[in-house]
Amino acid sequence: MGINPVQLRQLVISPALASIGLGGQAAEELLMGTALQESDGGFYLHQLGQGPAIGIFQMEPGTHDDLWATFLSRRADLSAKVSALLMPGQSRLDQLAGNLLYAAAMARLLYYRCPEPLPTAGDIPAQAVFYKRWYNTAQGAASVESYLQRWKAAFP
């Protein structure tokens, strides 16, 4: 396991989402589950093998860049909030690996632009299905079952 899941949620996910105005228990749980599934809760900062995914949420560069080009570029207020999380002297893409607040904000934005509302807080099975549909996609290697297994291991 990577970063202590309670600390990851309290010290990274919750403040990151609050800083961009997209927090709440359901969003925090979904991002916690995403980090657990994608990087074993922060154990990996770059995709194993030859894959391009970066950071604890394993966001691909194309997804990251598309969020800026087609979503944040049309939302100046939200763009400013996300930009406030950036560290100087490093590209936005490179910050997905080392800037946990920024990585959490970007993962939340991926879910925010989905046409469906987030599953309710506490409904981890529904969150697993939502993750698989909108974050990992049908072509991705993850499964609803593995998401639930990781969640249960982190929060017995």
Protein backbone atom coordinates (compact mmCIF):
# COMPACT_ATOMS: atom_id res chain seq x y z
CA MET A 1 0.00 0.00 0.00
CA GLY A 2 1.12 3.54 -0.69
CA ILE A 3 0.25 6.62 1.35
CA ASN A 4 -1.80 6.08 4.48
CA PRO A 5 -5.37 6.32 3.11
CA VAL A 6 -6.74 8.37 6.02
CA GLN A 7 -3.92 10.89 5.64
CA LEU A 8 -4.24 10.93 1.86
CA ARG A 9 -7.89 11.85 2.16
CA GLN A 10 -7.48 14.36 5.00
CA LEU A 11 -4.28 16.06 3.90
CA VAL A 12 -4.49 15.91 0.11
CA ILE A 13 -7.86 15.03 -1.37
CA SER A 14 -10.12 17.03 0.93
CA PRO A 15 -8.09 20.27 0.82
CA ALA A 16 -7.51 20.01 -2.93
CA LEU A 17 -11.21 19.62 -3.65
CA ALA A 18 -12.14 22.37 -1.21
CA SER A 19 -9.68 24.74 -2.89
CA ILE A 20 -11.41 24.31 -6.26
CA GLY A 21 -14.91 24.31 -4.76
CA LEU A 22 -15.75 20.73 -5.75
CA GLY A 23 -15.48 18.88 -2.47
CA GLY A 24 -17.83 16.80 -0.39
CA GLN A 25 -17.87 13.31 0.98
CA ALA A 26 -18.94 11.61 -2.25
CA ALA A 27 -16.20 13.29 -4.29
CA GLU A 28 -13.58 12.52 -1.63
CA GLU A 29 -14.58 8.86 -1.52
CA LEU A 30 -14.52 8.57 -5.30
CA LEU A 31 -11.05 10.09 -5.53
CA MET A 32 -9.82 7.94 -2.66
CA GLY A 33 -11.07 4.84 -4.47
CA THR A 34 -9.52 6.06 -7.71
CA ALA A 35 -6.11 6.52 -6.08
CA LEU A 36 -6.35 3.13 -4.41
CA GLN A 37 -7.22 1.47 -7.70
CA GLU A 38 -4.89 3.38 -10.00
CA SER A 39 -1.66 3.54 -7.95
CA ASP A 40 -2.27 1.43 -4.86
CA GLY A 41 -2.93 4.63 -2.95
CA GLY A 42 0.19 6.42 -4.09
CA PHE A 43 2.63 3.52 -4.22
CA TYR A 44 3.28 4.21 -7.91
CA LEU A 45 3.88 7.67 -9.36
CA HIS A 46 4.31 6.51 -12.93
CA GLN A 47 2.57 3.72 -14.77
CA LEU A 48 4.39 0.41 -14.73
CA GLY A 49 5.63 -0.92 -18.02
CA GLN A 50 5.41 1.31 -21.06
CA GLY A 51 2.24 3.22 -20.19
CA PRO A 52 2.04 7.00 -20.09
CA ALA A 53 -0.10 7.48 -16.97
CA ILE A 54 1.31 9.78 -14.28
CA GLY A 55 0.74 10.33 -10.55
CA ILE A 56 -1.33 8.73 -7.85
CA PHE A 57 -4.43 9.01 -10.01
CA GLN A 58 -2.57 7.70 -13.09
CA MET A 59 -3.85 10.40 -15.41
CA GLU A 60 -2.69 10.11 -19.00
CA PRO A 61 -1.05 13.14 -20.61
CA GLY A 62 -3.74 13.35 -23.31
CA THR A 63 -6.49 13.46 -20.70
CA HIS A 64 -4.64 16.10 -18.70
CA ASP A 65 -4.04 18.28 -21.73
CA ASP A 66 -7.63 17.87 -22.95
CA LEU A 67 -8.96 19.04 -19.58
CA TRP A 68 -6.98 22.26 -20.02
CA ALA A 69 -7.76 22.72 -23.71
CA THR A 70 -11.48 21.93 -23.81
CA PHE A 71 -12.73 22.33 -20.26
CA LEU A 72 -10.67 24.70 -18.14
CA SER A 73 -10.06 27.06 -21.05
CA ARG A 74 -13.79 27.86 -20.96
CA ARG A 75 -14.04 28.28 -17.18
CA ALA A 76 -11.79 31.14 -16.10
CA ASP A 77 -12.80 31.03 -12.43
CA LEU A 78 -12.20 27.29 -12.09
CA SER A 79 -9.00 27.54 -14.15
CA ALA A 80 -7.68 30.19 -11.75
CA LYS A 81 -8.43 27.97 -8.75
CA VAL A 82 -6.61 25.01 -10.29
CA SER A 83 -3.71 27.22 -11.39
CA ALA A 84 -3.31 28.42 -7.80
CA LEU A 85 -2.31 24.85 -6.88
CA LEU A 86 0.61 24.80 -9.32
CA MET A 87 4.23 24.98 -8.19
CA PRO A 88 6.45 27.39 -10.09
CA GLY A 89 9.17 26.10 -12.37
CA GLN A 90 7.57 22.86 -13.46
CA SER A 91 5.17 22.08 -16.30
CA ARG A 92 1.57 21.32 -15.44
CA LEU A 93 1.89 17.79 -16.79
CA ASP A 94 5.01 17.03 -14.75
CA GLN A 95 3.20 18.14 -11.60
CA LEU A 96 0.84 15.17 -11.80
CA ALA A 97 3.59 13.03 -10.24
CA GLY A 98 4.84 15.28 -7.44
CA ASN A 99 2.14 17.83 -6.71
CA LEU A 100 -0.55 15.76 -4.99
CA LEU A 101 -2.98 18.66 -4.56
CA TYR A 102 -2.84 19.45 -8.28
CA ALA A 103 -3.18 15.77 -9.22
CA ALA A 104 -6.25 15.43 -7.00
CA ALA A 105 -7.82 18.55 -8.49
CA MET A 106 -7.27 17.30 -12.03
CA ALA A 107 -8.73 13.87 -11.23
CA ARG A 108 -11.77 15.58 -9.73
CA LEU A 109 -12.20 17.65 -12.89
CA LEU A 110 -12.23 14.53 -15.01
CA TYR A 111 -15.22 13.33 -12.99
CA TYR A 112 -16.77 16.80 -12.84
CA ARG A 113 -17.15 17.02 -16.58
CA CYS A 114 -18.99 13.68 -16.72
CA PRO A 115 -22.63 14.04 -17.76
CA GLU A 116 -23.87 12.04 -14.74
CA PRO A 117 -23.87 13.13 -11.11
CA LEU A 118 -21.50 11.45 -8.68
CA PRO A 119 -22.86 8.44 -6.81
CA THR A 120 -23.98 9.22 -3.29
CA ALA A 121 -21.57 9.25 -0.38
CA GLY A 122 -21.12 5.85 1.19
CA ASP A 123 -22.25 3.91 -1.88
CA ILE A 124 -18.84 2.44 -2.67
CA PRO A 125 -20.19 -0.18 -5.13
CA ALA A 126 -21.87 2.56 -7.19
CA GLN A 127 -18.69 4.62 -7.02
CA ALA A 128 -16.72 1.62 -8.32
CA VAL A 129 -19.08 1.36 -11.31
CA PHE A 130 -18.83 5.11 -11.90
CA TYR A 131 -15.03 4.94 -11.76
CA LYS A 132 -14.93 2.09 -14.25
CA ARG A 133 -17.28 3.84 -16.66
CA TRP A 134 -15.86 7.35 -16.58
CA TYR A 135 -12.25 7.10 -15.39
CA ASN A 136 -10.86 3.71 -16.41
CA THR A 137 -13.32 3.05 -19.28
CA ALA A 138 -14.38 -0.27 -20.74
CA GLN A 139 -10.98 -0.66 -22.42
CA GLY A 140 -9.04 -0.21 -19.17
CA ALA A 141 -7.53 -3.08 -17.21
CA ALA A 142 -9.21 -2.25 -13.90
CA SER A 143 -12.46 -3.80 -12.76
CA VAL A 144 -15.26 -2.94 -10.40
CA GLU A 145 -14.29 -5.97 -8.32
CA SER A 146 -10.66 -4.88 -7.94
CA TYR A 147 -11.79 -1.37 -6.95
CA LEU A 148 -13.98 -2.85 -4.22
CA GLN A 149 -11.23 -5.19 -3.03
CA ARG A 150 -8.77 -2.32 -2.73
CA TRP A 151 -11.33 -0.19 -0.88
CA LYS A 152 -12.03 -3.00 1.60
CA ALA A 153 -8.30 -3.56 2.17
CA ALA A 154 -7.75 0.15 2.88
CA PHE A 155 -10.90 0.61 5.00
CA PRO A 156 -11.68 -2.76 6.65
